[in-house]
């Protein structure tokens, strides 16, 4: 696994704090009771740290979720439960947030996520 550039990590942390922390938590801990549906039948914002499942997704999938938004297929509503940020964040900012998130995972989770990313790009 290549080391993460500390400048990109710091930039990603700043972007995360400004645009993501209000839903996903200042320490990426997610919304309390994030695994229980709310009054709308939606799952609240999950954690992005090692307790969550963000590490199971490749860079490309994470990029798409951030840029295009997400409607969790298990939610009972049809609206985007995570808004699209393509008109708010630059590609560089989105990639930096993803890099920052990687610092919140265990080495095993980072390895799994790196392998998922490599598969997306046809390297495995």
PDB file of N, CA and C in Angstrom:
ATOM      1  N   UNK A   1       0.835  -1.174   0.000  1.00  0.00           N
ATOM      2  CA  UNK A   1       0.000   0.000   0.000  1.00  0.00           C
ATOM      3  C   UNK A   1       0.882   1.241   0.000  1.00  0.00           C
ATOM      4  N   UNK A   2       0.640   2.146  -0.911  1.00  0.00           N
ATOM      5  CA  UNK A   2       1.463   3.366  -0.922  1.00  0.00           C
ATOM      6  C   UNK A   2       1.116   4.257   0.273  1.00  0.00           C
ATOM      7  N   UNK A   3       2.097   4.983   0.790  1.00  0.00           N
ATOM      8  CA  UNK A   3       1.809   5.898   1.903  1.00  0.00           C
ATOM      9  C   UNK A   3       0.913   7.038   1.420  1.00  0.00           C
ATOM     10  N   UNK A   4       0.159   7.569   2.341  1.00  0.00           N
ATOM     11  CA  UNK A   4      -0.745   8.676   2.021  1.00  0.00           C
ATOM     12  C   UNK A   4       0.000   9.992   2.180  1.00  0.00           C
ATOM     13  N   UNK A   5      -0.150  10.865   1.207  1.00  0.00           N
ATOM     14  CA  UNK A   5       0.499  12.173   1.234  1.00  0.00           C
ATOM     15  C   UNK A   5      -0.097  13.012   2.373  1.00  0.00           C
ATOM     16  N   UNK A   6       0.709  13.422   3.341  1.00  0.00           N
ATOM     17  CA  UNK A   6       0.173  14.169   4.490  1.00  0.00           C
ATOM     18  C   UNK A   6      -0.490  15.495   4.101  1.00  0.00           C
ATOM     19  N   UNK A   7      -0.030  16.126   3.031  1.00  0.00           N
ATOM     20  CA  UNK A   7      -0.655  17.381   2.591  1.00  0.00           C
ATOM     21  C   UNK A   7      -2.056  17.115   2.062  1.00  0.00           C
ATOM     22  N   UNK A   8      -2.217  16.030   1.326  1.00  0.00           N
ATOM     23  CA  UNK A   8      -3.533  15.660   0.799  1.00  0.00           C
ATOM     24  C   UNK A   8      -4.449  15.254   1.949  1.00  0.00           C
ATOM     25  N   UNK A   9      -3.911  14.514   2.911  1.00  0.00           N
ATOM     26  CA  UNK A   9      -4.693  14.106   4.090  1.00  0.00           C
ATOM     27  C   UNK A   9      -5.199  15.343   4.833  1.00  0.00           C
ATOM     28  N   UNK A  10      -4.326  16.304   5.086  1.00  0.00           N
ATOM     29  CA  UNK A  10      -4.733  17.518   5.807  1.00  0.00           C
ATOM     30  C   UNK A  10      -5.769  18.315   5.024  1.00  0.00           C
ATOM     31  N   UNK A  11      -5.577  18.418   3.724  1.00  0.00           N
ATOM     32  CA  UNK A  11      -6.541  19.111   2.877  1.00  0.00           C
ATOM     33  C   UNK A  11      -7.881  18.378   2.925  1.00  0.00           C
ATOM     34  N   UNK A  12      -7.846  17.065   2.824  1.00  0.00           N
ATOM     35  CA  UNK A  12      -9.068  16.268   2.883  1.00  0.00           C
ATOM     36  C   UNK A  12      -9.787  16.408   4.212  1.00  0.00           C
ATOM     37  N   UNK A  13      -9.020  16.473   5.306  1.00  0.00           N
ATOM     38  CA  UNK A  13      -9.613  16.664   6.639  1.00  0.00           C
ATOM     39  C   UNK A  13     -10.346  17.998   6.706  1.00  0.00           C
ATOM     40  N   UNK A  14      -9.746  19.044   6.144  1.00  0.00           N
ATOM     41  CA  UNK A  14     -10.382  20.372   6.131  1.00  0.00           C
ATOM     42  C   UNK A  14     -11.676  20.349   5.324  1.00  0.00           C
ATOM     43  N   UNK A  15     -11.641  19.725   4.156  1.00  0.00           N
ATOM     44  CA  UNK A  15     -12.840  19.645   3.312  1.00  0.00           C
ATOM     45  C   UNK A  15     -13.910  18.821   4.029  1.00  0.00           C
ATOM     46  N   UNK A  16     -13.495  17.703   4.624  1.00  0.00           N
ATOM     47  CA  UNK A  16     -14.435  16.853   5.363  1.00  0.00           C
ATOM     48  C   UNK A  16     -15.115  17.654   6.474  1.00  0.00           C
ATOM     49  N   UNK A  17     -14.325  18.384   7.255  1.00  0.00           N
ATOM     50  CA  UNK A  17     -14.902  19.151   8.361  1.00  0.00           C
ATOM     51  C   UNK A  17     -15.913  20.183   7.859  1.00  0.00           C
ATOM     52  N   UNK A  18     -15.628  20.780   6.727  1.00  0.00           N
ATOM     53  CA  UNK A  18     -16.514  21.817   6.201  1.00  0.00           C
ATOM     54  C   UNK A  18     -17.781  21.250   5.576  1.00  0.00           C
ATOM     55  N   UNK A  19     -17.688  20.126   4.882  1.00  0.00           N
ATOM     56  CA  UNK A  19     -18.820  19.647   4.088  1.00  0.00           C
ATOM     57  C   UNK A  19     -19.436  18.325   4.551  1.00  0.00           C
ATOM     58  N   UNK A  20     -18.741  17.540   5.329  1.00  0.00           N
ATOM     59  CA  UNK A  20     -19.214  16.189   5.652  1.00  0.00           C
ATOM     60  C   UNK A  20     -19.528  15.989   7.135  1.00  0.00           C
ATOM     61  N   UNK A  21     -18.803  16.681   7.991  1.00  0.00           N
ATOM     62  CA  UNK A  21     -18.904  16.439   9.435  1.00  0.00           C
ATOM     63  C   UNK A  21     -20.298  16.716   9.987  1.00  0.00           C
ATOM     64  N   UNK A  22     -21.040  17.626   9.388  1.00  0.00           N
ATOM     65  CA  UNK A  22     -22.366  17.948   9.921  1.00  0.00           C
ATOM     66  C   UNK A  22     -23.299  16.736   9.895  1.00  0.00           C
ATOM     67  N   UNK A  23     -23.096  15.822   8.981  1.00  0.00           N
ATOM     68  CA  UNK A  23     -23.913  14.598   8.923  1.00  0.00           C
ATOM     69  C   UNK A  23     -23.164  13.381   9.470  1.00  0.00           C
ATOM     70  N   UNK A  24     -21.904  13.247   9.100  1.00  0.00           N
ATOM     71  CA  UNK A  24     -21.142  12.034   9.425  1.00  0.00           C
ATOM     72  C   UNK A  24     -20.323  12.151  10.709  1.00  0.00           C
ATOM     73  N   UNK A  25     -20.350  13.308  11.355  1.00  0.00           N
ATOM     74  CA  UNK A  25     -19.657  13.496  12.624  1.00  0.00           C
ATOM     75  C   UNK A  25     -18.275  14.082  12.465  1.00  0.00           C
ATOM     76  N   UNK A  26     -17.882  14.898  13.430  1.00  0.00           N
ATOM     77  CA  UNK A  26     -16.582  15.567  13.388  1.00  0.00           C
ATOM     78  C   UNK A  26     -15.427  14.577  13.373  1.00  0.00           C
ATOM     79  N   UNK A  27     -15.632  13.410  13.973  1.00  0.00           N
ATOM     80  CA  UNK A  27     -14.598  12.373  13.993  1.00  0.00           C
ATOM     81  C   UNK A  27     -15.010  11.188  13.129  1.00  0.00           C
ATOM     82  N   UNK A  28     -15.924  11.444  12.180  1.00  0.00           N
ATOM     83  CA  UNK A  28     -16.416  10.422  11.249  1.00  0.00           C
ATOM     84  C   UNK A  28     -17.121   9.281  11.971  1.00  0.00           C
ATOM     85  N   UNK A  29     -17.709   9.594  13.129  1.00  0.00           N
ATOM     86  CA  UNK A  29     -18.362   8.580  13.945  1.00  0.00           C
ATOM     87  C   UNK A  29     -19.794   8.262  13.502  1.00  0.00           C
ATOM     88  N   UNK A  30     -20.318   9.029  12.558  1.00  0.00           N
ATOM     89  CA  UNK A  30     -21.672   8.788  12.060  1.00  0.00           C
ATOM     90  C   UNK A  30     -22.734   9.320  13.003  1.00  0.00           C
ATOM     91  N   UNK A  31     -23.961   9.216  12.553  1.00  0.00           N
ATOM     92  CA  UNK A  31     -25.112   9.620  13.347  1.00  0.00           C
ATOM     93  C   UNK A  31     -25.368   8.565  14.421  1.00  0.00           C
ATOM     94  N   UNK A  32     -25.755   8.981  15.631  1.00  0.00           N
ATOM     95  CA  UNK A  32     -26.125   7.968  16.626  1.00  0.00           C
ATOM     96  C   UNK A  32     -27.219   7.051  16.064  1.00  0.00           C
ATOM     97  N   UNK A  33     -27.144   5.809  16.400  1.00  0.00           N
ATOM     98  CA  UNK A  33     -28.120   4.806  15.929  1.00  0.00           C
ATOM     99  C   UNK A  33     -28.181   4.730  14.404  1.00  0.00           C
ATOM    100  N   UNK A  34     -27.032   4.841  13.760  1.00  0.00           N
ATOM    101  CA  UNK A  34     -26.985   4.882  12.298  1.00  0.00           C
ATOM    102  C   UNK A  34     -27.473   3.606  11.636  1.00  0.00           C
ATOM    103  N   UNK A  35     -27.611   2.530  12.379  1.00  0.00           N
ATOM    104  CA  UNK A  35     -28.092   1.281  11.795  1.00  0.00           C
ATOM    105  C   UNK A  35     -29.598   1.089  11.983  1.00  0.00           C
ATOM    106  N   UNK A  36     -30.280   2.084  12.567  1.00  0.00           N
ATOM    107  CA  UNK A  36     -31.724   2.013  12.774  1.00  0.00           C
ATOM    108  C   UNK A  36     -32.410   3.053  11.897  1.00  0.00           C
ATOM    109  N   UNK A  37     -33.454   2.647  11.226  1.00  0.00           N
ATOM    110  CA  UNK A  37     -34.194   3.571  10.363  1.00  0.00           C
ATOM    111  C   UNK A  37     -34.814   4.703  11.182  1.00  0.00           C
ATOM    112  N   UNK A  38     -34.838   5.890  10.570  1.00  0.00           N
ATOM    113  CA  UNK A  38     -35.455   7.037  11.228  1.00  0.00           C
ATOM    114  C   UNK A  38     -36.946   7.086  10.901  1.00  0.00           C
ATOM    115  N   UNK A  39     -37.595   8.187  11.266  1.00  0.00           N
ATOM    116  CA  UNK A  39     -39.042   8.324  11.058  1.00  0.00           C
ATOM    117  C   UNK A  39     -39.442   8.319   9.583  1.00  0.00           C
ATOM    118  N   UNK A  40     -38.509   8.596   8.687  1.00  0.00           N
ATOM    119  CA  UNK A  40     -38.793   8.556   7.238  1.00  0.00           C
ATOM    120  C   UNK A  40     -38.508   7.182   6.638  1.00  0.00           C
ATOM    121  N   UNK A  41     -38.030   6.268   7.464  1.00  0.00           N
ATOM    122  CA  UNK A  41     -37.674   4.940   6.966  1.00  0.00           C
ATOM    123  C   UNK A  41     -36.295   4.895   6.341  1.00  0.00           C
ATOM    124  N   UNK A  42     -35.476   5.897   6.640  1.00  0.00           N
ATOM    125  CA  UNK A  42     -34.134   5.981   6.069  1.00  0.00           C
ATOM    126  C   UNK A  42     -33.081   5.653   7.118  1.00  0.00           C
ATOM    127  N   UNK A  43     -31.983   5.090   6.648  1.00  0.00           N
ATOM    128  CA  UNK A  43     -30.845   4.863   7.531  1.00  0.00           C
ATOM    129  C   UNK A  43     -30.053   6.156   7.636  1.00  0.00           C
ATOM    130  N   UNK A  44     -29.770   6.624   8.863  1.00  0.00           N
ATOM    131  CA  UNK A  44     -29.005   7.858   9.030  1.00  0.00           C
ATOM    132  C   UNK A  44     -27.573   7.717   8.507  1.00  0.00           C
ATOM    133  N   UNK A  45     -26.868   8.835   8.481  1.00  0.00           N
ATOM    134  CA  UNK A  45     -25.496   8.871   7.972  1.00  0.00           C
ATOM    135  C   UNK A  45     -24.605   7.913   8.762  1.00  0.00           C
ATOM    136  N   UNK A  46     -23.932   6.999   8.067  1.00  0.00           N
ATOM    137  CA  UNK A  46     -23.072   6.032   8.752  1.00  0.00           C
ATOM    138  C   UNK A  46     -21.717   6.644   9.106  1.00  0.00           C
ATOM    139  N   UNK A  47     -20.980   5.970   9.966  1.00  0.00           N
ATOM    140  CA  UNK A  47     -19.622   6.415  10.251  1.00  0.00           C
ATOM    141  C   UNK A  47     -18.712   6.109   9.063  1.00  0.00           C
ATOM    142  N   UNK A  48     -17.653   6.885   8.960  1.00  0.00           N
ATOM    143  CA  UNK A  48     -16.632   6.625   7.936  1.00  0.00           C
ATOM    144  C   UNK A  48     -15.355   6.093   8.556  1.00  0.00           C
ATOM    145  N   UNK A  49     -15.358   5.936   9.869  1.00  0.00           N
ATOM    146  CA  UNK A  49     -14.184   5.396  10.554  1.00  0.00           C
ATOM    147  C   UNK A  49     -14.195   3.864  10.453  1.00  0.00           C
ATOM    148  N   UNK A  50     -13.379   3.219  11.232  1.00  0.00           N
ATOM    149  CA  UNK A  50     -13.257   1.763  11.168  1.00  0.00           C
ATOM    150  C   UNK A  50     -14.533   1.036  11.592  1.00  0.00           C
ATOM    151  N   UNK A  51     -15.417   1.721  12.299  1.00  0.00           N
ATOM    152  CA  UNK A  51     -16.673   1.104  12.744  1.00  0.00           C
ATOM    153  C   UNK A  51     -17.702   1.008  11.624  1.00  0.00           C
ATOM    154  N   UNK A  52     -17.530   1.788  10.596  1.00  0.00           N
ATOM    155  CA  UNK A  52     -18.488   1.806   9.493  1.00  0.00           C
ATOM    156  C   UNK A  52     -18.114   0.833   8.392  1.00  0.00           C
ATOM    157  N   UNK A  53     -18.636   1.107   7.205  1.00  0.00           N
ATOM    158  CA  UNK A  53     -18.395   0.214   6.064  1.00  0.00           C
ATOM    159  C   UNK A  53     -17.820   0.940   4.859  1.00  0.00           C
ATOM    160  N   UNK A  54     -17.430   2.179   5.011  1.00  0.00           N
ATOM    161  CA  UNK A  54     -16.883   2.958   3.899  1.00  0.00           C
ATOM    162  C   UNK A  54     -15.682   2.259   3.274  1.00  0.00           C
ATOM    163  N   UNK A  55     -14.878   1.632   4.086  1.00  0.00           N
ATOM    164  CA  UNK A  55     -13.662   0.956   3.634  1.00  0.00           C
ATOM    165  C   UNK A  55     -13.953  -0.209   2.702  1.00  0.00           C
ATOM    166  N   UNK A  56     -15.178  -0.635   2.623  1.00  0.00           N
ATOM    167  CA  UNK A  56     -15.531  -1.749   1.726  1.00  0.00           C
ATOM    168  C   UNK A  56     -15.699  -1.301   0.272  1.00  0.00           C
ATOM    169  N   UNK A  57     -15.670  -0.004   0.040  1.00  0.00           N
ATOM    170  CA  UNK A  57     -15.913   0.544  -1.296  1.00  0.00           C
ATOM    171  C   UNK A  57     -14.618   1.045  -1.934  1.00  0.00           C
ATOM    172  N   UNK A  58     -14.499   0.829  -3.220  1.00  0.00           N
ATOM    173  CA  UNK A  58     -13.330   1.295  -3.965  1.00  0.00           C
ATOM    174  C   UNK A  58     -13.306   2.819  -4.048  1.00  0.00           C
ATOM    175  N   UNK A  59     -12.151   3.348  -4.412  1.00  0.00           N
ATOM    176  CA  UNK A  59     -12.035   4.793  -4.624  1.00  0.00           C
ATOM    177  C   UNK A  59     -13.064   5.283  -5.632  1.00  0.00           C
ATOM    178  N   UNK A  60     -13.232   4.556  -6.728  1.00  0.00           N
ATOM    179  CA  UNK A  60     -14.171   4.975  -7.772  1.00  0.00           C
ATOM    180  C   UNK A  60     -15.599   5.016  -7.246  1.00  0.00           C
ATOM    181  N   UNK A  61     -15.973   4.025  -6.456  1.00  0.00           N
ATOM    182  CA  UNK A  61     -17.323   3.999  -5.907  1.00  0.00           C
ATOM    183  C   UNK A  61     -17.519   5.137  -4.909  1.00  0.00           C
ATOM    184  N   UNK A  62     -16.530   5.376  -4.062  1.00  0.00           N
ATOM    185  CA  UNK A  62     -16.626   6.479  -3.110  1.00  0.00           C
ATOM    186  C   UNK A  62     -16.709   7.817  -3.841  1.00  0.00           C
ATOM    187  N   UNK A  63     -15.908   7.960  -4.882  1.00  0.00           N
ATOM    188  CA  UNK A  63     -15.934   9.194  -5.670  1.00  0.00           C
ATOM    189  C   UNK A  63     -17.334   9.423  -6.242  1.00  0.00           C
ATOM    190  N   UNK A  64     -17.925   8.374  -6.810  1.00  0.00           N
ATOM    191  CA  UNK A  64     -19.273   8.488  -7.370  1.00  0.00           C
ATOM    192  C   UNK A  64     -20.302   8.847  -6.301  1.00  0.00           C
ATOM    193  N   UNK A  65     -20.209   8.228  -5.145  1.00  0.00           N
ATOM    194  CA  UNK A  65     -21.163   8.517  -4.063  1.00  0.00           C
ATOM    195  C   UNK A  65     -21.081   9.976  -3.636  1.00  0.00           C
ATOM    196  N   UNK A  66     -19.864  10.477  -3.522  1.00  0.00           N
ATOM    197  CA  UNK A  66     -19.693  11.863  -3.093  1.00  0.00           C
ATOM    198  C   UNK A  66     -20.128  12.819  -4.196  1.00  0.00           C
ATOM    199  N   UNK A  67     -19.731  12.561  -5.409  1.00  0.00           N
ATOM    200  CA  UNK A  67     -20.029  13.511  -6.484  1.00  0.00           C
ATOM    201  C   UNK A  67     -21.490  13.449  -6.941  1.00  0.00           C
ATOM    202  N   UNK A  68     -22.061  12.260  -7.018  1.00  0.00           N
ATOM    203  CA  UNK A  68     -23.429  12.102  -7.540  1.00  0.00           C
ATOM    204  C   UNK A  68     -24.492  11.989  -6.458  1.00  0.00           C
ATOM    205  N   UNK A  69     -24.066  11.819  -5.213  1.00  0.00           N
ATOM    206  CA  UNK A  69     -25.015  11.610  -4.139  1.00  0.00           C
ATOM    207  C   UNK A  69     -25.386  10.141  -4.061  1.00  0.00           C
ATOM    208  N   UNK A  70     -26.218   9.818  -3.101  1.00  0.00           N
ATOM    209  CA  UNK A  70     -26.567   8.421  -2.888  1.00  0.00           C
ATOM    210  C   UNK A  70     -27.991   8.292  -2.391  1.00  0.00           C
ATOM    211  N   UNK A  71     -28.690   7.363  -2.967  1.00  0.00           N
ATOM    212  CA  UNK A  71     -29.962   6.913  -2.419  1.00  0.00           C
ATOM    213  C   UNK A  71     -29.729   5.479  -1.992  1.00  0.00           C
ATOM    214  N   UNK A  72     -29.679   5.258  -0.684  1.00  0.00           N
ATOM    215  CA  UNK A  72     -29.459   3.914  -0.172  1.00  0.00           C
ATOM    216  C   UNK A  72     -30.594   3.011  -0.650  1.00  0.00           C
ATOM    217  N   UNK A  73     -30.279   1.916  -1.339  1.00  0.00           N
ATOM    218  CA  UNK A  73     -31.339   1.061  -1.872  1.00  0.00           C
ATOM    219  C   UNK A  73     -32.207   0.418  -0.793  1.00  0.00           C
ATOM    220  N   UNK A  74     -31.742   0.410   0.445  1.00  0.00           N
ATOM    221  CA  UNK A  74     -32.529  -0.156   1.534  1.00  0.00           C
ATOM    222  C   UNK A  74     -33.477   0.858   2.158  1.00  0.00           C
ATOM    223  N   UNK A  75     -33.330   2.129   1.812  1.00  0.00           N
ATOM    224  CA  UNK A  75     -34.221   3.150   2.343  1.00  0.00           C
ATOM    225  C   UNK A  75     -35.584   3.051   1.683  1.00  0.00           C
ATOM    226  N   UNK A  76     -36.589   3.457   2.404  1.00  0.00           N
ATOM    227  CA  UNK A  76     -37.963   3.355   1.917  1.00  0.00           C
ATOM    228  C   UNK A  76     -38.392   4.574   1.105  1.00  0.00           C
ATOM    229  N   UNK A  77     -37.566   5.599   1.045  1.00  0.00           N
ATOM    230  CA  UNK A  77     -37.894   6.781   0.259  1.00  0.00           C
ATOM    231  C   UNK A  77     -37.094   6.757  -1.044  1.00  0.00           C
ATOM    232  N   UNK A  78     -37.492   7.602  -1.980  1.00  0.00           N
ATOM    233  CA  UNK A  78     -36.814   7.644  -3.276  1.00  0.00           C
ATOM    234  C   UNK A  78     -35.837   8.812  -3.393  1.00  0.00           C
ATOM    235  N   UNK A  79     -35.786   9.676  -2.396  1.00  0.00           N
ATOM    236  CA  UNK A  79     -34.903  10.841  -2.469  1.00  0.00           C
ATOM    237  C   UNK A  79     -33.448  10.441  -2.210  1.00  0.00           C
ATOM    238  N   UNK A  80     -32.543  11.295  -2.644  1.00  0.00           N
ATOM    239  CA  UNK A  80     -31.133  11.086  -2.311  1.00  0.00           C
ATOM    240  C   UNK A  80     -30.975  11.290  -0.811  1.00  0.00           C
ATOM    241  N   UNK A  81     -30.423  10.314  -0.146  1.00  0.00           N
ATOM    242  CA  UNK A  81     -30.212  10.454   1.291  1.00  0.00           C
ATOM    243  C   UNK A  81     -28.860  11.092   1.588  1.00  0.00           C
ATOM    244  N   UNK A  82     -27.987  11.111   0.600  1.00  0.00           N
ATOM    245  CA  UNK A  82     -26.753  11.892   0.674  1.00  0.00           C
ATOM    246  C   UNK A  82     -26.733  12.780  -0.559  1.00  0.00           C
ATOM    247  N   UNK A  83     -26.641  14.079  -0.367  1.00  0.00           N
ATOM    248  CA  UNK A  83     -26.694  14.974  -1.531  1.00  0.00           C
ATOM    249  C   UNK A  83     -25.458  14.831  -2.425  1.00  0.00           C
ATOM    250  N   UNK A  84     -25.625  15.219  -3.666  1.00  0.00           N
ATOM    251  CA  UNK A  84     -24.519  15.239  -4.623  1.00  0.00           C
ATOM    252  C   UNK A  84     -23.651  16.467  -4.358  1.00  0.00           C
ATOM    253  N   UNK A  85     -22.346  16.278  -4.437  1.00  0.00           N
ATOM    254  CA  UNK A  85     -21.412  17.371  -4.188  1.00  0.00           C
ATOM    255  C   UNK A  85     -20.620  17.770  -5.431  1.00  0.00           C
ATOM    256  N   UNK A  86     -20.970  17.245  -6.593  1.00  0.00           N
ATOM    257  CA  UNK A  86     -20.228  17.545  -7.821  1.00  0.00           C
ATOM    258  C   UNK A  86     -20.215  19.040  -8.144  1.00  0.00           C
ATOM    259  N   UNK A  87     -21.282  19.752  -7.805  1.00  0.00           N
ATOM    260  CA  UNK A  87     -21.342  21.186  -8.074  1.00  0.00           C
ATOM    261  C   UNK A  87     -20.750  22.021  -6.940  1.00  0.00           C
ATOM    262  N   UNK A  88     -20.339  21.354  -5.857  1.00  0.00           N
ATOM    263  CA  UNK A  88     -19.818  22.045  -4.683  1.00  0.00           C
ATOM    264  C   UNK A  88     -18.319  21.813  -4.522  1.00  0.00           C
ATOM    265  N   UNK A  89     -17.908  20.564  -4.711  1.00  0.00           N
ATOM    266  CA  UNK A  89     -16.510  20.184  -4.506  1.00  0.00           C
ATOM    267  C   UNK A  89     -15.825  19.896  -5.837  1.00  0.00           C
ATOM    268  N   UNK A  90     -14.577  20.265  -5.933  1.00  0.00           N
ATOM    269  CA  UNK A  90     -13.783  19.957  -7.126  1.00  0.00           C
ATOM    270  C   UNK A  90     -13.366  18.488  -7.068  1.00  0.00           C
ATOM    271  N   UNK A  91     -12.979  17.911  -8.205  1.00  0.00           N
ATOM    272  CA  UNK A  91     -12.458  16.544  -8.176  1.00  0.00           C
ATOM    273  C   UNK A  91     -11.296  16.389  -7.198  1.00  0.00           C
ATOM    274  N   UNK A  92     -10.425  17.389  -7.118  1.00  0.00           N
ATOM    275  CA  UNK A  92      -9.298  17.349  -6.185  1.00  0.00           C
ATOM    276  C   UNK A  92      -9.784  17.286  -4.738  1.00  0.00           C
ATOM    277  N   UNK A  93     -10.809  18.060  -4.407  1.00  0.00           N
ATOM    278  CA  UNK A  93     -11.353  18.038  -3.053  1.00  0.00           C
ATOM    279  C   UNK A  93     -11.980  16.678  -2.726  1.00  0.00           C
ATOM    280  N   UNK A  94     -12.699  16.112  -3.672  1.00  0.00           N
ATOM    281  CA  UNK A  94     -13.331  14.805  -3.450  1.00  0.00           C
ATOM    282  C   UNK A  94     -12.261  13.745  -3.223  1.00  0.00           C
ATOM    283  N   UNK A  95     -11.239  13.736  -4.056  1.00  0.00           N
ATOM    284  CA  UNK A  95     -10.155  12.758  -3.881  1.00  0.00           C
ATOM    285  C   UNK A  95      -9.440  12.959  -2.542  1.00  0.00           C
ATOM    286  N   UNK A  96      -9.286  14.206  -2.123  1.00  0.00           N
ATOM    287  CA  UNK A  96      -8.628  14.482  -0.842  1.00  0.00           C
ATOM    288  C   UNK A  96      -9.472  13.963   0.324  1.00  0.00           C
ATOM    289  N   UNK A  97     -10.776  14.113   0.261  1.00  0.00           N
ATOM    290  CA  UNK A  97     -11.642  13.580   1.313  1.00  0.00           C
ATOM    291  C   UNK A  97     -11.482  12.070   1.390  1.00  0.00           C
ATOM    292  N   UNK A  98     -11.476  11.408   0.256  1.00  0.00           N
ATOM    293  CA  UNK A  98     -11.299   9.946   0.236  1.00  0.00           C
ATOM    294  C   UNK A  98      -9.950   9.574   0.859  1.00  0.00           C
ATOM    295  N   UNK A  99      -8.918  10.321   0.534  1.00  0.00           N
ATOM    296  CA  UNK A  99      -7.593  10.066   1.115  1.00  0.00           C
ATOM    297  C   UNK A  99      -7.641  10.243   2.628  1.00  0.00           C
ATOM    298  N   UNK A 100      -8.283  11.287   3.099  1.00  0.00           N
ATOM    299  CA  UNK A 100      -8.414  11.504   4.545  1.00  0.00           C
ATOM    300  C   UNK A 100      -9.142  10.338   5.206  1.00  0.00           C
ATOM    301  N   UNK A 101     -10.230   9.874   4.600  1.00  0.00           N
ATOM    302  CA  UNK A 101     -11.002   8.773   5.193  1.00  0.00           C
ATOM    303  C   UNK A 101     -10.134   7.539   5.396  1.00  0.00           C
ATOM    304  N   UNK A 102      -9.203   7.308   4.509  1.00  0.00           N
ATOM    305  CA  UNK A 102      -8.331   6.138   4.608  1.00  0.00           C
ATOM    306  C   UNK A 102      -7.502   6.153   5.895  1.00  0.00           C
ATOM    307  N   UNK A 103      -7.262   7.341   6.447  1.00  0.00           N
ATOM    308  CA  UNK A 103      -6.487   7.424   7.686  1.00  0.00           C
ATOM    309  C   UNK A 103      -7.298   6.957   8.890  1.00  0.00           C
ATOM    310  N   UNK A 104      -8.589   6.771   8.721  1.00  0.00           N
ATOM    311  CA  UNK A 104      -9.478   6.405   9.821  1.00  0.00           C
ATOM    312  C   UNK A 104      -9.702   4.897   9.923  1.00  0.00           C
ATOM    313  N   UNK A 105      -9.125   4.148   8.999  1.00  0.00           N
ATOM    314  CA  UNK A 105      -9.358   2.704   8.941  1.00  0.00           C
ATOM    315  C   UNK A 105      -8.163   1.934   9.488  1.00  0.00           C
ATOM    316  N   UNK A 106      -8.421   0.682   9.833  1.00  0.00           N
ATOM    317  CA  UNK A 106      -7.335  -0.200  10.277  1.00  0.00           C
ATOM    318  C   UNK A 106      -6.461  -0.544   9.071  1.00  0.00           C
ATOM    319  N   UNK A 107      -5.239  -1.004   9.300  1.00  0.00           N
ATOM    320  CA  UNK A 107      -4.396  -1.436   8.170  1.00  0.00           C
ATOM    321  C   UNK A 107      -5.072  -2.525   7.328  1.00  0.00           C
ATOM    322  N   UNK A 108      -5.776  -3.438   7.976  1.00  0.00           N
ATOM    323  CA  UNK A 108      -6.471  -4.504   7.234  1.00  0.00           C
ATOM    324  C   UNK A 108      -7.591  -3.938   6.375  1.00  0.00           C
ATOM    325  N   UNK A 109      -8.314  -2.974   6.901  1.00  0.00           N
ATOM    326  CA  UNK A 109      -9.377  -2.331   6.121  1.00  0.00           C
ATOM    327  C   UNK A 109      -8.795  -1.560   4.941  1.00  0.00           C
ATOM    328  N   UNK A 110      -7.703  -0.850   5.173  1.00  0.00           N
ATOM    329  CA  UNK A 110      -7.046  -0.115   4.078  1.00  0.00           C
ATOM    330  C   UNK A 110      -6.571  -1.073   2.998  1.00  0.00           C
ATOM    331  N   UNK A 111      -6.045  -2.223   3.398  1.00  0.00           N
ATOM    332  CA  UNK A 111      -5.583  -3.211   2.426  1.00  0.00           C
ATOM    333  C   UNK A 111      -6.761  -3.731   1.602  1.00  0.00           C
ATOM    334  N   UNK A 112      -7.855  -4.064   2.261  1.00  0.00           N
ATOM    335  CA  UNK A 112      -9.050  -4.539   1.564  1.00  0.00           C
ATOM    336  C   UNK A 112      -9.529  -3.487   0.569  1.00  0.00           C
ATOM    337  N   UNK A 113      -9.593  -2.237   1.022  1.00  0.00           N
ATOM    338  CA  UNK A 113     -10.074  -1.153   0.167  1.00  0.00           C
ATOM    339  C   UNK A 113      -9.131  -0.923  -1.007  1.00  0.00           C
ATOM    340  N   UNK A 114      -7.845  -1.030  -0.783  1.00  0.00           N
ATOM    341  CA  UNK A 114      -6.871  -0.882  -1.872  1.00  0.00           C
ATOM    342  C   UNK A 114      -7.070  -1.979  -2.917  1.00  0.00           C
ATOM    343  N   UNK A 115      -7.343  -3.186  -2.463  1.00  0.00           N
ATOM    344  CA  UNK A 115      -7.585  -4.294  -3.395  1.00  0.00           C
ATOM    345  C   UNK A 115      -8.871  -4.076  -4.184  1.00  0.00           C
ATOM    346  N   UNK A 116      -9.906  -3.551  -3.533  1.00  0.00           N
ATOM    347  CA  UNK A 116     -11.158  -3.224  -4.239  1.00  0.00           C
ATOM    348  C   UNK A 116     -10.901  -2.170  -5.312  1.00  0.00           C
ATOM    349  N   UNK A 117     -10.097  -1.179  -4.967  1.00  0.00           N
ATOM    350  CA  UNK A 117      -9.767  -0.116  -5.918  1.00  0.00           C
ATOM    351  C   UNK A 117      -8.980  -0.679  -7.103  1.00  0.00           C
ATOM    352  N   UNK A 118      -8.026  -1.545  -6.828  1.00  0.00           N
ATOM    353  CA  UNK A 118      -7.234  -2.148  -7.900  1.00  0.00           C
ATOM    354  C   UNK A 118      -8.124  -2.985  -8.824  1.00  0.00           C
ATOM    355  N   UNK A 119      -9.072  -3.701  -8.273  1.00  0.00           N
ATOM    356  CA  UNK A 119      -9.989  -4.494  -9.097  1.00  0.00           C
ATOM    357  C   UNK A 119     -10.816  -3.603 -10.007  1.00  0.00           C
ATOM    358  N   UNK A 120     -11.252  -2.454  -9.491  1.00  0.00           N
ATOM    359  CA  UNK A 120     -12.019  -1.514 -10.313  1.00  0.00           C
ATOM    360  C   UNK A 120     -11.232  -1.066 -11.535  1.00  0.00           C
ATOM    361  N   UNK A 121      -9.928  -0.942 -11.358  1.00  0.00           N
ATOM    362  CA  UNK A 121      -9.091  -0.483 -12.448  1.00  0.00           C
ATOM    363  C   UNK A 121      -8.480  -1.618 -13.240  1.00  0.00           C
ATOM    364  N   UNK A 122      -8.910  -2.852 -12.936  1.00  0.00           N
ATOM    365  CA  UNK A 122      -8.461  -3.999 -13.711  1.00  0.00           C
ATOM    366  C   UNK A 122      -7.045  -4.447 -13.430  1.00  0.00           C
ATOM    367  N   UNK A 123      -6.523  -4.156 -12.246  1.00  0.00           N
ATOM    368  CA  UNK A 123      -5.149  -4.545 -11.921  1.00  0.00           C
ATOM    369  C   UNK A 123      -5.061  -5.889 -11.217  1.00  0.00           C
ATOM    370  N   UNK A 124      -6.186  -6.466 -10.873  1.00  0.00           N
ATOM    371  CA  UNK A 124      -6.154  -7.764 -10.186  1.00  0.00           C
ATOM    372  C   UNK A 124      -6.851  -8.823 -11.023  1.00  0.00           C
TER     373      UNK A 124
END
